[in-house]
Amino acid sequence: MDLGLEKKVALVTASSRGLGAATALALAREGARVAICARDQDPLLAAQQRIAQETGAEVLAVRADVSKAADVTELVSKTVERFGRLDILVINAGGPPPGSFLDLDQEAWEAATQLTLMSAVRLCYAVVPLMREQGGGSILAITSISVKQPLDNLILSNSVRMSLIGLVKSLSNELAADGIRVNAVCPGWTRTGRVDQLLQARSAKSGLAVEREASRITVSIPLGRMADPGEFARAAVFLASPAASFITGVSLLVDGGQYRGV
């Protein structure tokens, strides 16, 4: 299937590793020109080199912290300056730290809100006027299965990511007339560095080995394993692409069947 991404311009945030990096790589493989960002310069440049070498795509790397308004403005400005337009925004950010309610203070809640919700709000403020002027575009937010069912010891993620879904659904209604589609993609357990961090936290709390904690998770997944980041990325890229031109306002689960609701 031709996803219609040849020469399109995509900005993927928090994309030096994990799901963001996998999504940026998959977009580039489909012919898109890609802008990536991260807070740390060395992993960011390594990701840029890898994507360019593997795909031959044009890749712009901008060091940016999406929880900071000035960084978001500069990121979008540099992307448009380099490529002349912006067709796809993939909103991604590192997840809030694990913990139960009484493990966390109010400052942790504020930080989680800035990281997960307000970064998305600022990115949309920066991008929506551009897409309106162009006559359309696609916005995709990477969230989590936790927007469908809470995950143990992740109260920050469980709570704040739900507000991001509210933003996605509301914007999908507001922006449809402008030809701007807004969707979310909700990964289940995918073996990334972030998941390794969560497994370490669970191991420390339970006293069980990390791989034992992993097996306790995969037994609840009908497909019997965690996803590979590339599997997630292929679903995300389809949803962001022109091939999904009549899909907006959805939250697509990529979870191996873990969520049992209808």
Protein backbone atom coordinates (compact mmCIF):
# COMPACT_ATOMS: atom_id res chain seq x y z
CA MET A 1 0.00 0.00 0.00
CA ASP A 2 1.23 3.48 -0.88
CA LEU A 3 0.77 5.59 2.26
CA GLY A 4 1.17 8.83 0.32
CA LEU A 5 4.12 10.02 2.41
CA GLU A 6 6.65 10.70 -0.35
CA LYS A 7 8.16 14.16 0.27
CA LYS A 8 5.76 14.90 3.12
CA VAL A 9 7.27 16.66 6.14
CA ALA A 10 6.87 15.08 9.57
CA LEU A 11 7.95 16.34 12.97
CA VAL A 12 8.33 13.65 15.65
CA THR A 13 9.11 14.81 19.17
CA ALA A 14 11.12 12.91 21.79
CA SER A 15 12.52 10.84 18.97
CA SER A 16 16.10 9.93 19.82
CA ARG A 17 15.05 6.53 21.18
CA GLY A 18 12.07 4.29 21.89
CA LEU A 19 8.71 4.74 20.20
CA GLY A 20 9.55 8.20 18.87
CA ALA A 21 12.71 7.00 17.15
CA ALA A 22 10.92 3.97 15.70
CA THR A 23 8.13 6.18 14.34
CA ALA A 24 10.55 8.68 12.80
CA LEU A 25 12.45 5.83 11.15
CA ALA A 26 9.25 4.30 9.76
CA LEU A 27 8.12 7.66 8.36
CA ALA A 28 11.48 8.14 6.67
CA ARG A 29 11.28 4.65 5.16
CA GLU A 30 8.00 5.68 3.52
CA GLY A 31 9.66 8.68 1.89
CA ALA A 32 8.89 11.45 4.35
CA ARG A 33 11.34 14.18 5.28
CA VAL A 34 11.65 14.09 9.04
CA ALA A 35 12.46 16.50 11.86
CA ILE A 36 13.38 14.91 15.18
CA CYS A 37 14.10 16.33 18.62
CA ALA A 38 15.29 15.32 22.07
CA ARG A 39 16.76 16.97 25.14
CA ASP A 40 20.14 15.21 24.88
CA GLN A 41 22.33 16.09 21.92
CA ASP A 42 24.42 12.91 21.52
CA PRO A 43 21.53 10.39 21.30
CA LEU A 44 19.69 12.83 19.03
CA LEU A 45 22.57 13.06 16.55
CA ALA A 46 23.00 9.28 16.67
CA ALA A 47 19.32 8.85 15.77
CA GLN A 48 19.63 11.37 12.95
CA GLN A 49 22.61 9.50 11.51
CA ARG A 50 20.91 6.13 11.78
CA ILE A 51 17.70 7.28 10.08
CA ALA A 52 19.58 9.04 7.28
CA GLN A 53 21.87 6.07 6.66
CA GLU A 54 19.10 3.46 6.68
CA THR A 55 16.61 5.37 4.56
CA GLY A 56 18.43 8.06 2.60
CA ALA A 57 15.85 10.54 3.89
CA GLU A 58 16.54 14.14 4.76
CA VAL A 59 16.56 14.39 8.56
CA LEU A 60 16.70 17.54 10.68
CA ALA A 61 17.76 17.17 14.32
CA VAL A 62 16.90 19.94 16.79
CA ARG A 63 17.79 19.77 20.46
CA ALA A 64 14.61 20.71 22.32
CA ASP A 65 12.74 20.09 25.56
CA VAL A 66 9.05 20.00 24.65
CA SER A 67 8.05 20.90 28.20
CA LYS A 68 9.53 24.39 27.54
CA ALA A 69 7.51 26.85 25.47
CA ALA A 70 10.52 28.57 23.90
CA ASP A 71 11.98 25.25 22.77
CA VAL A 72 8.70 24.25 21.12
CA THR A 73 8.50 27.54 19.21
CA GLU A 74 12.08 27.19 18.00
CA LEU A 75 11.59 23.54 17.05
CA VAL A 76 8.60 24.22 14.81
CA SER A 77 10.21 27.34 13.37
CA LYS A 78 13.40 25.46 12.41
CA THR A 79 11.38 22.63 10.87
CA VAL A 80 9.40 24.99 8.64
CA GLU A 81 12.51 27.02 7.81
CA ARG A 82 14.28 23.86 6.65
CA PHE A 83 11.44 22.12 4.79
CA GLY A 84 9.02 24.92 3.92
CA ARG A 85 5.95 23.22 5.39
CA LEU A 86 4.76 20.74 8.00
CA ASP A 87 2.32 17.96 7.10
CA ILE A 88 2.48 15.66 10.12
CA LEU A 89 3.05 16.28 13.81
CA VAL A 90 3.68 13.25 16.02
CA ILE A 91 3.38 14.29 19.66
CA ASN A 92 5.53 12.20 21.94
CA ALA A 93 7.18 12.76 25.31
CA GLY A 94 8.88 10.60 27.88
CA GLY A 95 6.44 9.15 30.36
CA PRO A 96 6.07 10.49 33.90
CA PRO A 97 7.90 8.54 36.61
CA PRO A 98 6.27 5.49 38.18
CA GLY A 99 4.81 5.57 41.66
CA SER A 100 1.62 5.22 43.66
CA PHE A 101 -0.34 8.22 44.94
CA LEU A 102 1.37 8.61 48.32
CA ASP A 103 4.82 8.06 46.78
CA LEU A 104 4.46 11.31 44.83
CA ASP A 105 4.19 14.97 45.76
CA GLN A 106 2.37 17.86 44.10
CA GLU A 107 5.54 18.93 42.28
CA ALA A 108 5.57 15.55 40.53
CA TRP A 109 2.01 16.18 39.34
CA GLU A 110 2.95 19.61 38.03
CA ALA A 111 5.95 18.19 36.17
CA ALA A 112 3.87 15.38 34.68
CA THR A 113 1.27 17.86 33.47
CA GLN A 114 3.92 20.03 31.81
CA LEU A 115 5.57 17.01 30.18
CA THR A 116 2.55 15.09 28.97
CA LEU A 117 -0.28 17.58 28.48
CA MET A 118 1.14 21.07 28.14
CA SER A 119 3.86 19.99 25.72
CA ALA A 120 1.07 18.75 23.43
CA VAL A 121 -0.93 21.95 23.90
CA ARG A 122 2.08 24.11 23.00
CA LEU A 123 2.94 22.00 19.97
CA CYS A 124 -0.63 22.28 18.70
CA TYR A 125 -0.65 26.06 19.18
CA ALA A 126 2.54 26.23 17.11
CA VAL A 127 1.42 23.83 14.37
CA VAL A 128 -2.33 24.30 13.84
CA PRO A 129 -2.10 27.78 12.23
CA LEU A 130 0.51 26.43 9.79
CA MET A 131 -1.63 23.46 8.84
CA ARG A 132 -4.69 25.68 8.41
CA GLU A 133 -2.77 27.91 6.04
CA GLN A 134 -1.58 24.87 4.07
CA GLY A 135 -5.10 23.49 3.82
CA GLY A 136 -4.69 20.45 6.05
CA GLY A 137 -2.44 18.17 8.01
CA SER A 138 -2.29 15.33 10.48
CA ILE A 139 -1.64 15.38 14.23
CA LEU A 140 -0.98 12.13 16.06
CA ALA A 141 -0.46 11.85 19.82
CA ILE A 142 1.36 8.85 21.27
CA THR A 143 -0.34 7.97 24.55
CA SER A 144 -0.71 4.59 26.27
CA ILE A 145 -3.07 1.70 26.93
CA SER A 146 -3.45 3.41 30.32
CA VAL A 147 -6.04 5.73 28.77
CA LYS A 148 -8.29 2.66 28.50
CA GLN A 149 -7.38 0.87 31.71
CA PRO A 150 -5.10 2.06 34.53
CA LEU A 151 -1.73 0.38 34.96
CA ASP A 152 -0.42 -0.46 38.42
CA ASN A 153 2.07 1.98 39.97
CA LEU A 154 1.59 4.53 37.16
CA ILE A 155 -0.88 6.98 38.64
CA LEU A 156 0.70 10.01 36.96
CA SER A 157 0.55 8.44 33.51
CA ASN A 158 -2.92 7.01 34.13
CA SER A 159 -4.24 10.44 35.06
CA VAL A 160 -2.50 12.95 32.82
CA ARG A 161 -2.65 10.93 29.61
CA MET A 162 -6.45 10.89 29.90
CA SER A 163 -6.41 14.68 29.60
CA LEU A 164 -4.38 14.37 26.40
CA ILE A 165 -7.11 12.15 24.93
CA GLY A 166 -9.62 14.87 25.79
CA LEU A 167 -7.51 17.33 23.82
CA VAL A 168 -7.21 14.95 20.86
CA LYS A 169 -10.93 14.27 20.65
CA SER A 170 -11.87 17.94 21.04
CA LEU A 171 -9.37 19.11 18.42
CA SER A 172 -10.51 16.43 15.98
CA ASN A 173 -13.96 18.02 16.05
CA GLU A 174 -12.74 21.61 15.93
CA LEU A 175 -10.21 21.16 13.14
CA ALA A 176 -11.98 18.73 10.81
CA ALA A 177 -13.35 21.56 8.68
CA ASP A 178 -9.77 22.73 8.12
CA GLY A 179 -8.73 19.34 6.77
CA ILE A 180 -6.66 18.59 9.88
CA ARG A 181 -7.01 15.09 11.29
CA VAL A 182 -6.22 14.51 14.97
CA ASN A 183 -5.77 11.02 16.40
CA ALA A 184 -4.07 9.13 19.18
CA VAL A 185 -2.22 5.84 19.15
CA CYS A 186 -2.10 3.89 22.39
CA PRO A 187 0.71 1.39 22.78
CA GLY A 188 0.49 -1.49 25.18
CA TRP A 189 3.62 -3.11 26.54
CA THR A 190 6.37 -2.46 24.00
CA ARG A 191 9.97 -3.37 24.89
CA THR A 192 11.63 0.05 24.98
CA GLY A 193 14.03 1.68 27.41
CA ARG A 194 11.02 3.23 29.16
CA VAL A 195 9.49 -0.20 29.72
CA ASP A 196 12.80 -1.50 31.01
CA GLN A 197 12.71 1.36 33.54
CA LEU A 198 9.20 0.37 34.63
CA LEU A 199 10.23 -3.27 34.93
CA GLN A 200 13.16 -2.25 37.12
CA ALA A 201 10.79 -0.26 39.35
CA ARG A 202 8.42 -3.22 39.62
CA SER A 203 11.33 -5.53 40.39
CA ALA A 204 12.57 -3.26 43.16
CA LYS A 205 9.10 -3.15 44.69
CA SER A 206 8.32 -6.88 44.43
CA GLY A 207 11.75 -8.40 44.92
CA LEU A 208 11.28 -10.49 41.77
CA ALA A 209 13.74 -10.60 38.89
CA VAL A 210 13.13 -8.18 36.01
CA GLU A 211 12.36 -10.96 33.51
CA ARG A 212 9.96 -12.51 36.00
CA GLU A 213 8.14 -9.19 36.13
CA ALA A 214 8.11 -9.16 32.32
CA SER A 215 6.57 -12.63 32.22
CA ARG A 216 3.85 -11.55 34.65
CA ILE A 217 2.90 -8.91 32.10
CA THR A 218 3.03 -10.99 28.94
CA VAL A 219 0.75 -13.66 30.41
CA SER A 220 -2.04 -11.05 30.23
CA ILE A 221 -1.42 -10.32 26.53
CA PRO A 222 -3.29 -12.67 24.16
CA LEU A 223 -0.44 -12.56 21.63
CA GLY A 224 1.84 -13.75 24.44
CA ARG A 225 4.62 -11.17 24.18
CA MET A 226 5.46 -7.49 24.24
CA ALA A 227 5.59 -5.58 20.97
CA ASP A 228 8.69 -4.59 19.11
CA PRO A 229 8.90 -0.78 18.62
CA GLY A 230 8.80 -1.28 14.84
CA GLU A 231 5.42 -2.99 15.09
CA PHE A 232 4.02 -0.02 16.94
CA ALA A 233 5.61 2.42 14.49
CA ARG A 234 3.97 0.84 11.45
CA ALA A 235 0.52 1.33 12.96
CA ALA A 236 1.35 4.90 13.99
CA VAL A 237 2.65 5.83 10.55
CA PHE A 238 -0.46 4.50 8.83
CA LEU A 239 -2.73 6.51 11.13
CA ALA A 240 -0.71 9.68 10.55
CA SER A 241 -0.52 9.19 6.78
CA PRO A 242 -2.82 10.28 3.95
CA ALA A 243 -3.79 6.60 3.58
CA ALA A 244 -5.93 7.11 6.72
CA SER A 245 -7.63 10.15 5.22
CA PHE A 246 -11.10 9.41 6.63
CA ILE A 247 -9.96 8.58 10.16
CA THR A 248 -10.00 11.27 12.84
CA GLY A 249 -10.77 11.43 16.53
CA VAL A 250 -9.80 7.82 17.23
CA SER A 251 -7.56 6.27 19.89
CA LEU A 252 -5.99 3.22 18.27
CA LEU A 253 -4.76 0.49 20.59
CA VAL A 254 -1.58 -1.34 19.62
CA ASP A 255 -1.51 -3.73 22.55
CA GLY A 256 -1.57 -7.33 21.34
CA GLY A 257 -5.16 -7.66 22.54
CA GLN A 258 -4.41 -6.82 26.18
CA TYR A 259 -7.36 -4.45 26.60
CA ARG A 260 -10.44 -6.62 27.01
CA GLY A 261 -13.11 -3.93 26.62
CA VAL A 262 -15.15 -3.45 23.47
